[in-house]
Amino acid sequence: MGKVLKRLHYPLDVIVLCVRWYVAYSLSLRNLE
């Protein structure tokens, strides 16, 4: 189980980062309008 979690750890970080960027981007777009 530990090996699977280690393998999934990196993609999970990338997904979290992408979600953060997406939210920040959509919020800044709303502020511009």
Protein backbone atom coordinates (compact mmCIF):
# COMPACT_ATOMS: atom_id res chain seq x y z
CA MET A 1 0.00 0.00 0.00
CA GLY A 2 2.86 2.38 0.82
CA LYS A 3 4.38 1.91 -2.63
CA VAL A 4 1.10 2.81 -4.30
CA LEU A 5 0.76 5.96 -2.21
CA LYS A 6 4.33 6.99 -3.05
CA ARG A 7 3.62 6.46 -6.73
CA LEU A 8 0.42 8.54 -6.55
CA HIS A 9 1.97 11.29 -4.44
CA TYR A 10 3.58 13.21 -7.30
CA PRO A 11 0.56 13.31 -9.65
CA LEU A 12 -1.63 14.31 -6.70
CA ASP A 13 0.64 17.30 -6.00
CA VAL A 14 0.39 18.31 -9.65
CA ILE A 15 -3.40 18.02 -9.60
CA VAL A 16 -3.63 20.15 -6.45
CA LEU A 17 -1.33 22.74 -8.02
CA CYS A 18 -3.41 22.83 -11.21
CA VAL A 19 -6.62 23.25 -9.22
CA ARG A 20 -5.09 26.13 -7.27
CA TRP A 21 -3.93 27.85 -10.46
CA TYR A 22 -7.35 27.29 -12.05
CA VAL A 23 -9.19 28.80 -9.09
CA ALA A 24 -6.80 31.75 -8.86
CA TYR A 25 -7.09 32.35 -12.62
CA SER A 26 -10.89 32.25 -12.68
CA LEU A 27 -11.05 34.56 -9.66
CA SER A 28 -8.73 37.09 -11.31
CA LEU A 29 -10.82 36.93 -14.49
CA ARG A 30 -13.92 37.74 -12.44
CA ASN A 31 -12.17 40.73 -10.87
CA LEU A 32 -11.22 42.06 -14.30
CA GLU A 33 -14.79 42.10 -15.57
